[in-house]
């Protein structure tokens, strides 16, 4: 009896370790640790949401992090995060890193595959991203529509990312992420300095208790933006 009990405890450890690895792999996209007040709704095409004010979470000499809660009409809520940093660069050097598959996989952690899908609309593009997860979890993937708007004002370029669910068939061993919204602002400050603002949220249900998941997703959010900051600095 005692030997069997000890064996069960030991055999649980790989599952705990794998769950943490899984969180780290897909934490890049689980930006908003959702609090589900009602049953999970189908993600609306154009969600009408209420937003609280941004709250400063962390700040250092490189990166500033904000958070706020947003509410959907059916009562569900999720957290939105925003990161802000500045670099000495040019807009033309930044856009490929945030709007092209080969650029995204250079700074986003846990990406197994990233590729651009064919589209008929020349005003937008589709990016496929797959995250490889350890056993016993399924891989996750995301198809994101990316739209660039350079008309917000004379010194600002915006890039929008939105999850697309029915563009390509879902793989049998992969879970499709059906909710993801992100917004980039590339703002020229003058003297070659550019401020980058990135905000994102997902109504994806938590895969672990929030007290476990929140610190992991926050760390991955920061790590990814620091990776991007370093890349942009090196490529200046």
C-alpha atoms as a PDB file:
ATOM      1  CA  UNK A   1       0.000   0.000   0.000  1.00  0.00           C
ATOM      2  CA  UNK A   2       2.681   2.516   0.954  1.00  0.00           C
ATOM      3  CA  UNK A   3       4.741   1.679  -2.123  1.00  0.00           C
ATOM      4  CA  UNK A   4       1.749   2.180  -4.394  1.00  0.00           C
ATOM      5  CA  UNK A   5       0.935   5.520  -2.792  1.00  0.00           C
ATOM      6  CA  UNK A   6       4.482   6.814  -3.283  1.00  0.00           C
ATOM      7  CA  UNK A   7       4.486   5.702  -6.904  1.00  0.00           C
ATOM      8  CA  UNK A   8       1.308   7.671  -7.613  1.00  0.00           C
ATOM      9  CA  UNK A   9       2.797  10.833  -6.157  1.00  0.00           C
ATOM     10  CA  UNK A  10       5.957  10.487  -8.231  1.00  0.00           C
ATOM     11  CA  UNK A  11       4.004   9.834 -11.420  1.00  0.00           C
ATOM     12  CA  UNK A  12       2.062  13.098 -10.980  1.00  0.00           C
ATOM     13  CA  UNK A  13       5.187  15.211 -11.271  1.00  0.00           C
ATOM     14  CA  UNK A  14       5.609  14.958 -15.067  1.00  0.00           C
ATOM     15  CA  UNK A  15       2.001  16.103 -15.544  1.00  0.00           C
ATOM     16  CA  UNK A  16       2.576  19.165 -13.348  1.00  0.00           C
ATOM     17  CA  UNK A  17       5.805  19.940 -15.193  1.00  0.00           C
ATOM     18  CA  UNK A  18       4.125  19.496 -18.573  1.00  0.00           C
ATOM     19  CA  UNK A  19       1.301  21.840 -17.590  1.00  0.00           C
ATOM     20  CA  UNK A  20       3.820  24.561 -16.776  1.00  0.00           C
ATOM     21  CA  UNK A  21       5.593  23.938 -20.091  1.00  0.00           C
ATOM     22  CA  UNK A  22       2.235  24.132 -21.851  1.00  0.00           C
ATOM     23  CA  UNK A  23       1.438  27.428 -20.153  1.00  0.00           C
ATOM     24  CA  UNK A  24       4.788  28.795 -21.236  1.00  0.00           C
ATOM     25  CA  UNK A  25       4.297  27.647 -24.826  1.00  0.00           C
ATOM     26  CA  UNK A  26       0.877  29.185 -25.363  1.00  0.00           C
ATOM     27  CA  UNK A  27       1.185  31.988 -22.823  1.00  0.00           C
ATOM     28  CA  UNK A  28       2.223  34.234 -25.680  1.00  0.00           C
ATOM     29  CA  UNK A  29      -1.413  34.391 -26.756  1.00  0.00           C
ATOM     30  CA  UNK A  30      -3.268  33.926 -23.469  1.00  0.00           C
ATOM     31  CA  UNK A  31      -2.950  37.631 -22.802  1.00  0.00           C
ATOM     32  CA  UNK A  32      -6.244  38.119 -21.012  1.00  0.00           C
ATOM     33  CA  UNK A  33      -6.813  35.590 -18.271  1.00  0.00           C
ATOM     34  CA  UNK A  34     -10.555  35.296 -18.664  1.00  0.00           C
ATOM     35  CA  UNK A  35     -13.041  35.306 -15.830  1.00  0.00           C
ATOM     36  CA  UNK A  36     -16.111  33.512 -17.110  1.00  0.00           C
ATOM     37  CA  UNK A  37     -19.209  34.848 -15.359  1.00  0.00           C
ATOM     38  CA  UNK A  38     -21.645  33.013 -17.622  1.00  0.00           C
ATOM     39  CA  UNK A  39     -21.104  30.202 -20.111  1.00  0.00           C
ATOM     40  CA  UNK A  40     -18.470  30.865 -22.744  1.00  0.00           C
ATOM     41  CA  UNK A  41     -20.114  32.669 -25.681  1.00  0.00           C
ATOM     42  CA  UNK A  42     -19.246  32.419 -29.308  1.00  0.00           C
ATOM     43  CA  UNK A  43     -16.802  35.262 -30.016  1.00  0.00           C
ATOM     44  CA  UNK A  44     -18.716  38.115 -31.659  1.00  0.00           C
ATOM     45  CA  UNK A  45     -17.513  39.431 -35.009  1.00  0.00           C
ATOM     46  CA  UNK A  46     -17.564  43.002 -33.715  1.00  0.00           C
ATOM     47  CA  UNK A  47     -17.766  42.805 -29.935  1.00  0.00           C
ATOM     48  CA  UNK A  48     -19.481  45.672 -28.180  1.00  0.00           C
ATOM     49  CA  UNK A  49     -17.502  45.968 -24.988  1.00  0.00           C
ATOM     50  CA  UNK A  50     -17.201  48.191 -21.963  1.00  0.00           C
ATOM     51  CA  UNK A  51     -13.692  49.055 -20.848  1.00  0.00           C
ATOM     52  CA  UNK A  52     -12.322  50.152 -17.510  1.00  0.00           C
ATOM     53  CA  UNK A  53      -9.419  52.609 -17.309  1.00  0.00           C
ATOM     54  CA  UNK A  54      -5.871  51.400 -17.838  1.00  0.00           C
ATOM     55  CA  UNK A  55      -4.040  50.630 -14.592  1.00  0.00           C
ATOM     56  CA  UNK A  56      -0.246  50.741 -14.369  1.00  0.00           C
ATOM     57  CA  UNK A  57       1.067  47.287 -13.390  1.00  0.00           C
ATOM     58  CA  UNK A  58       4.826  47.448 -13.879  1.00  0.00           C
ATOM     59  CA  UNK A  59       7.349  49.961 -15.135  1.00  0.00           C
ATOM     60  CA  UNK A  60      11.089  49.929 -15.658  1.00  0.00           C
ATOM     61  CA  UNK A  61      13.534  51.830 -17.837  1.00  0.00           C
ATOM     62  CA  UNK A  62      12.544  49.820 -20.921  1.00  0.00           C
ATOM     63  CA  UNK A  63       8.958  48.587 -20.692  1.00  0.00           C
ATOM     64  CA  UNK A  64       5.697  49.792 -19.125  1.00  0.00           C
ATOM     65  CA  UNK A  65       2.783  47.380 -18.592  1.00  0.00           C
ATOM     66  CA  UNK A  66      -0.874  48.321 -18.132  1.00  0.00           C
ATOM     67  CA  UNK A  67      -4.001  46.228 -17.582  1.00  0.00           C
ATOM     68  CA  UNK A  68      -7.739  46.814 -17.719  1.00  0.00           C
ATOM     69  CA  UNK A  69     -10.911  44.752 -17.668  1.00  0.00           C
ATOM     70  CA  UNK A  70     -13.312  44.631 -20.586  1.00  0.00           C
ATOM     71  CA  UNK A  71     -16.895  43.331 -20.408  1.00  0.00           C
ATOM     72  CA  UNK A  72     -18.963  41.674 -23.103  1.00  0.00           C
ATOM     73  CA  UNK A  73     -22.751  42.201 -23.422  1.00  0.00           C
ATOM     74  CA  UNK A  74     -23.495  38.694 -22.066  1.00  0.00           C
ATOM     75  CA  UNK A  75     -21.664  39.408 -18.800  1.00  0.00           C
ATOM     76  CA  UNK A  76     -18.346  37.686 -19.494  1.00  0.00           C
ATOM     77  CA  UNK A  77     -15.157  39.574 -18.691  1.00  0.00           C
ATOM     78  CA  UNK A  78     -11.535  39.291 -19.692  1.00  0.00           C
ATOM     79  CA  UNK A  79      -8.329  41.142 -18.976  1.00  0.00           C
ATOM     80  CA  UNK A  80      -6.610  43.247 -21.625  1.00  0.00           C
ATOM     81  CA  UNK A  81      -2.893  44.006 -21.346  1.00  0.00           C
ATOM     82  CA  UNK A  82      -0.853  46.764 -22.924  1.00  0.00           C
ATOM     83  CA  UNK A  83       2.900  47.139 -23.215  1.00  0.00           C
ATOM     84  CA  UNK A  84       4.684  50.368 -24.168  1.00  0.00           C
ATOM     85  CA  UNK A  85       8.341  50.892 -25.062  1.00  0.00           C
ATOM     86  CA  UNK A  86      10.463  53.109 -27.301  1.00  0.00           C
ATOM     87  CA  UNK A  87      13.250  52.330 -29.750  1.00  0.00           C
ATOM     88  CA  UNK A  88      15.592  54.203 -32.049  1.00  0.00           C
ATOM     89  CA  UNK A  89      14.510  52.832 -35.408  1.00  0.00           C
ATOM     90  CA  UNK A  90      12.404  53.432 -38.487  1.00  0.00           C
ATOM     91  CA  UNK A  91       8.818  52.413 -39.105  1.00  0.00           C
ATOM     92  CA  UNK A  92       9.791  50.391 -42.181  1.00  0.00           C
ATOM     93  CA  UNK A  93      12.060  48.237 -39.979  1.00  0.00           C
ATOM     94  CA  UNK A  94       9.372  47.600 -37.360  1.00  0.00           C
ATOM     95  CA  UNK A  95       6.288  46.657 -39.411  1.00  0.00           C
ATOM     96  CA  UNK A  96       7.725  43.359 -40.814  1.00  0.00           C
ATOM     97  CA  UNK A  97       8.368  42.064 -37.276  1.00  0.00           C
ATOM     98  CA  UNK A  98       4.737  42.481 -36.225  1.00  0.00           C
ATOM     99  CA  UNK A  99       2.840  41.802 -39.457  1.00  0.00           C
ATOM    100  CA  UNK A 100       4.753  38.978 -41.178  1.00  0.00           C
ATOM    101  CA  UNK A 101       4.995  35.333 -40.187  1.00  0.00           C
ATOM    102  CA  UNK A 102       8.777  35.197 -40.386  1.00  0.00           C
ATOM    103  CA  UNK A 103       8.990  38.298 -38.224  1.00  0.00           C
ATOM    104  CA  UNK A 104       6.546  37.138 -35.543  1.00  0.00           C
ATOM    105  CA  UNK A 105       8.265  33.791 -34.982  1.00  0.00           C
ATOM    106  CA  UNK A 106      11.543  35.558 -34.227  1.00  0.00           C
ATOM    107  CA  UNK A 107      10.288  37.145 -30.985  1.00  0.00           C
ATOM    108  CA  UNK A 108       7.139  35.272 -29.936  1.00  0.00           C
ATOM    109  CA  UNK A 109       7.949  32.342 -27.667  1.00  0.00           C
ATOM    110  CA  UNK A 110       6.619  28.828 -28.175  1.00  0.00           C
ATOM    111  CA  UNK A 111       5.927  29.125 -31.906  1.00  0.00           C
ATOM    112  CA  UNK A 112       6.283  25.781 -33.662  1.00  0.00           C
ATOM    113  CA  UNK A 113       5.188  27.067 -37.069  1.00  0.00           C
ATOM    114  CA  UNK A 114       4.240  30.412 -38.578  1.00  0.00           C
ATOM    115  CA  UNK A 115       3.218  30.959 -42.177  1.00  0.00           C
ATOM    116  CA  UNK A 116       1.237  33.342 -44.343  1.00  0.00           C
ATOM    117  CA  UNK A 117      -1.961  32.069 -45.958  1.00  0.00           C
ATOM    118  CA  UNK A 118      -3.262  33.174 -49.370  1.00  0.00           C
ATOM    119  CA  UNK A 119      -5.989  35.824 -49.336  1.00  0.00           C
ATOM    120  CA  UNK A 120      -8.161  37.530 -51.952  1.00  0.00           C
ATOM    121  CA  UNK A 121      -8.216  40.874 -50.139  1.00  0.00           C
ATOM    122  CA  UNK A 122      -5.044  42.842 -50.760  1.00  0.00           C
ATOM    123  CA  UNK A 123      -5.825  45.114 -47.804  1.00  0.00           C
ATOM    124  CA  UNK A 124      -5.223  42.375 -45.239  1.00  0.00           C
ATOM    125  CA  UNK A 125      -3.232  39.184 -44.733  1.00  0.00           C
ATOM    126  CA  UNK A 126      -3.726  35.929 -42.856  1.00  0.00           C
ATOM    127  CA  UNK A 127      -1.054  34.491 -40.579  1.00  0.00           C
ATOM    128  CA  UNK A 128      -1.130  30.928 -39.246  1.00  0.00           C
ATOM    129  CA  UNK A 129       0.643  30.249 -35.931  1.00  0.00           C
ATOM    130  CA  UNK A 130       0.941  26.832 -34.272  1.00  0.00           C
ATOM    131  CA  UNK A 131       2.129  26.125 -30.739  1.00  0.00           C
ATOM    132  CA  UNK A 132       3.569  22.720 -29.942  1.00  0.00           C
ATOM    133  CA  UNK A 133       2.415  21.408 -26.560  1.00  0.00           C
ATOM    134  CA  UNK A 134       3.789  18.490 -24.494  1.00  0.00           C
ATOM    135  CA  UNK A 135       1.816  15.313 -23.866  1.00  0.00           C
ATOM    136  CA  UNK A 136      -0.964  14.959 -22.738  1.00  0.00           C
ATOM    137  CA  UNK A 137      -2.059  18.389 -24.026  1.00  0.00           C
ATOM    138  CA  UNK A 138      -3.127  19.150 -27.567  1.00  0.00           C
ATOM    139  CA  UNK A 139      -1.275  21.626 -29.726  1.00  0.00           C
ATOM    140  CA  UNK A 140      -2.972  24.988 -30.235  1.00  0.00           C
ATOM    141  CA  UNK A 141      -3.094  27.150 -33.311  1.00  0.00           C
ATOM    142  CA  UNK A 142      -4.324  30.568 -34.370  1.00  0.00           C
ATOM    143  CA  UNK A 143      -5.316  32.037 -37.704  1.00  0.00           C
ATOM    144  CA  UNK A 144      -5.082  35.802 -37.448  1.00  0.00           C
ATOM    145  CA  UNK A 145      -6.217  38.438 -39.912  1.00  0.00           C
ATOM    146  CA  UNK A 146      -3.738  41.318 -39.965  1.00  0.00           C
ATOM    147  CA  UNK A 147      -4.766  44.760 -41.198  1.00  0.00           C
ATOM    148  CA  UNK A 148      -2.496  47.796 -41.391  1.00  0.00           C
ATOM    149  CA  UNK A 149      -3.796  51.352 -41.229  1.00  0.00           C
ATOM    150  CA  UNK A 150      -1.446  54.258 -41.871  1.00  0.00           C
ATOM    151  CA  UNK A 151      -4.152  56.920 -41.871  1.00  0.00           C
ATOM    152  CA  UNK A 152      -4.746  57.299 -38.115  1.00  0.00           C
ATOM    153  CA  UNK A 153      -2.620  60.461 -38.243  1.00  0.00           C
ATOM    154  CA  UNK A 154       0.542  61.724 -39.901  1.00  0.00           C
ATOM    155  CA  UNK A 155       2.968  60.101 -37.464  1.00  0.00           C
ATOM    156  CA  UNK A 156       1.141  56.886 -36.540  1.00  0.00           C
ATOM    157  CA  UNK A 157       0.692  53.462 -38.103  1.00  0.00           C
ATOM    158  CA  UNK A 158      -1.762  50.954 -36.635  1.00  0.00           C
ATOM    159  CA  UNK A 159      -1.759  47.184 -37.065  1.00  0.00           C
ATOM    160  CA  UNK A 160      -4.812  45.138 -36.037  1.00  0.00           C
ATOM    161  CA  UNK A 161      -4.855  41.371 -35.419  1.00  0.00           C
ATOM    162  CA  UNK A 162      -8.107  39.380 -35.129  1.00  0.00           C
ATOM    163  CA  UNK A 163      -8.705  35.646 -34.815  1.00  0.00           C
ATOM    164  CA  UNK A 164     -10.341  33.929 -37.799  1.00  0.00           C
ATOM    165  CA  UNK A 165     -11.973  30.579 -37.080  1.00  0.00           C
ATOM    166  CA  UNK A 166     -13.252  29.166 -40.385  1.00  0.00           C
ATOM    167  CA  UNK A 167     -10.511  30.045 -42.860  1.00  0.00           C
ATOM    168  CA  UNK A 168      -8.783  26.654 -42.941  1.00  0.00           C
ATOM    169  CA  UNK A 169      -9.791  23.272 -41.478  1.00  0.00           C
ATOM    170  CA  UNK A 170      -8.726  22.587 -37.928  1.00  0.00           C
ATOM    171  CA  UNK A 171      -6.160  19.820 -37.521  1.00  0.00           C
ATOM    172  CA  UNK A 172      -7.363  16.703 -35.711  1.00  0.00           C
ATOM    173  CA  UNK A 173      -4.773  17.019 -32.936  1.00  0.00           C
ATOM    174  CA  UNK A 174      -4.848  20.805 -32.628  1.00  0.00           C
ATOM    175  CA  UNK A 175      -7.208  23.152 -30.776  1.00  0.00           C
ATOM    176  CA  UNK A 176      -8.061  26.305 -32.683  1.00  0.00           C
ATOM    177  CA  UNK A 177      -7.972  29.562 -30.699  1.00  0.00           C
ATOM    178  CA  UNK A 178     -11.272  31.232 -31.537  1.00  0.00           C
ATOM    179  CA  UNK A 179     -10.720  34.515 -29.716  1.00  0.00           C
ATOM    180  CA  UNK A 180      -7.794  36.901 -30.034  1.00  0.00           C
ATOM    181  CA  UNK A 181      -7.717  40.659 -30.601  1.00  0.00           C
ATOM    182  CA  UNK A 182      -4.542  42.736 -30.712  1.00  0.00           C
ATOM    183  CA  UNK A 183      -3.665  46.306 -31.637  1.00  0.00           C
ATOM    184  CA  UNK A 184      -0.280  47.829 -32.420  1.00  0.00           C
ATOM    185  CA  UNK A 185       0.473  51.540 -32.606  1.00  0.00           C
ATOM    186  CA  UNK A 186       3.780  52.658 -34.092  1.00  0.00           C
ATOM    187  CA  UNK A 187       4.175  56.338 -33.243  1.00  0.00           C
ATOM    188  CA  UNK A 188       6.997  58.549 -34.476  1.00  0.00           C
ATOM    189  CA  UNK A 189       8.251  60.826 -31.691  1.00  0.00           C
ATOM    190  CA  UNK A 190      10.955  62.613 -33.685  1.00  0.00           C
ATOM    191  CA  UNK A 191      14.760  62.418 -33.695  1.00  0.00           C
ATOM    192  CA  UNK A 192      14.538  58.817 -34.892  1.00  0.00           C
ATOM    193  CA  UNK A 193      12.674  57.616 -31.778  1.00  0.00           C
ATOM    194  CA  UNK A 194       9.521  55.536 -32.100  1.00  0.00           C
ATOM    195  CA  UNK A 195       7.063  54.540 -29.387  1.00  0.00           C
ATOM    196  CA  UNK A 196       5.482  51.098 -29.746  1.00  0.00           C
ATOM    197  CA  UNK A 197       2.196  50.327 -27.999  1.00  0.00           C
ATOM    198  CA  UNK A 198       0.817  46.792 -28.067  1.00  0.00           C
ATOM    199  CA  UNK A 199      -2.476  45.759 -26.467  1.00  0.00           C
ATOM    200  CA  UNK A 200      -4.227  42.399 -26.655  1.00  0.00           C
ATOM    201  CA  UNK A 201      -6.954  40.287 -25.118  1.00  0.00           C
ATOM    202  CA  UNK A 202      -8.469  36.848 -25.555  1.00  0.00           C
ATOM    203  CA  UNK A 203     -11.740  35.383 -24.312  1.00  0.00           C
ATOM    204  CA  UNK A 204     -10.090  31.959 -24.198  1.00  0.00           C
ATOM    205  CA  UNK A 205     -11.049  30.194 -20.937  1.00  0.00           C
ATOM    206  CA  UNK A 206      -8.179  29.684 -18.465  1.00  0.00           C
ATOM    207  CA  UNK A 207      -6.366  26.343 -18.714  1.00  0.00           C
ATOM    208  CA  UNK A 208      -5.246  26.576 -15.089  1.00  0.00           C
ATOM    209  CA  UNK A 209      -6.373  28.414 -11.939  1.00  0.00           C
ATOM    210  CA  UNK A 210      -5.876  32.149 -12.383  1.00  0.00           C
ATOM    211  CA  UNK A 211      -3.410  32.349  -9.496  1.00  0.00           C
ATOM    212  CA  UNK A 212      -1.181  29.974 -11.484  1.00  0.00           C
ATOM    213  CA  UNK A 213      -1.881  31.248 -14.989  1.00  0.00           C
ATOM    214  CA  UNK A 214      -1.757  35.021 -14.420  1.00  0.00           C
ATOM    215  CA  UNK A 215       1.936  35.267 -13.398  1.00  0.00           C
ATOM    216  CA  UNK A 216       2.919  33.005 -16.313  1.00  0.00           C
ATOM    217  CA  UNK A 217       1.021  34.957 -18.960  1.00  0.00           C
ATOM    218  CA  UNK A 218       2.263  38.276 -17.575  1.00  0.00           C
ATOM    219  CA  UNK A 219       5.868  37.062 -17.695  1.00  0.00           C
ATOM    220  CA  UNK A 220       5.453  35.776 -21.264  1.00  0.00           C
ATOM    221  CA  UNK A 221       3.831  39.056 -22.303  1.00  0.00           C
ATOM    222  CA  UNK A 222       6.828  40.974 -20.968  1.00  0.00           C
ATOM    223  CA  UNK A 223       9.401  38.508 -22.327  1.00  0.00           C
ATOM    224  CA  UNK A 224       7.936  38.677 -25.832  1.00  0.00           C
ATOM    225  CA  UNK A 225       7.982  42.468 -25.935  1.00  0.00           C
ATOM    226  CA  UNK A 226      11.523  42.529 -24.534  1.00  0.00           C
ATOM    227  CA  UNK A 227      12.527  40.070 -27.278  1.00  0.00           C
ATOM    228  CA  UNK A 228      10.995  42.384 -29.866  1.00  0.00           C
ATOM    229  CA  UNK A 229      12.695  45.406 -28.340  1.00  0.00           C
ATOM    230  CA  UNK A 230      16.059  43.644 -28.516  1.00  0.00           C
ATOM    231  CA  UNK A 231      15.510  42.582 -32.135  1.00  0.00           C
ATOM    232  CA  UNK A 232      14.592  46.096 -33.186  1.00  0.00           C
ATOM    233  CA  UNK A 233      17.605  47.504 -31.378  1.00  0.00           C
ATOM    234  CA  UNK A 234      19.956  45.011 -33.037  1.00  0.00           C
ATOM    235  CA  UNK A 235      18.422  45.671 -36.472  1.00  0.00           C
ATOM    236  CA  UNK A 236      18.627  49.446 -36.176  1.00  0.00           C
END
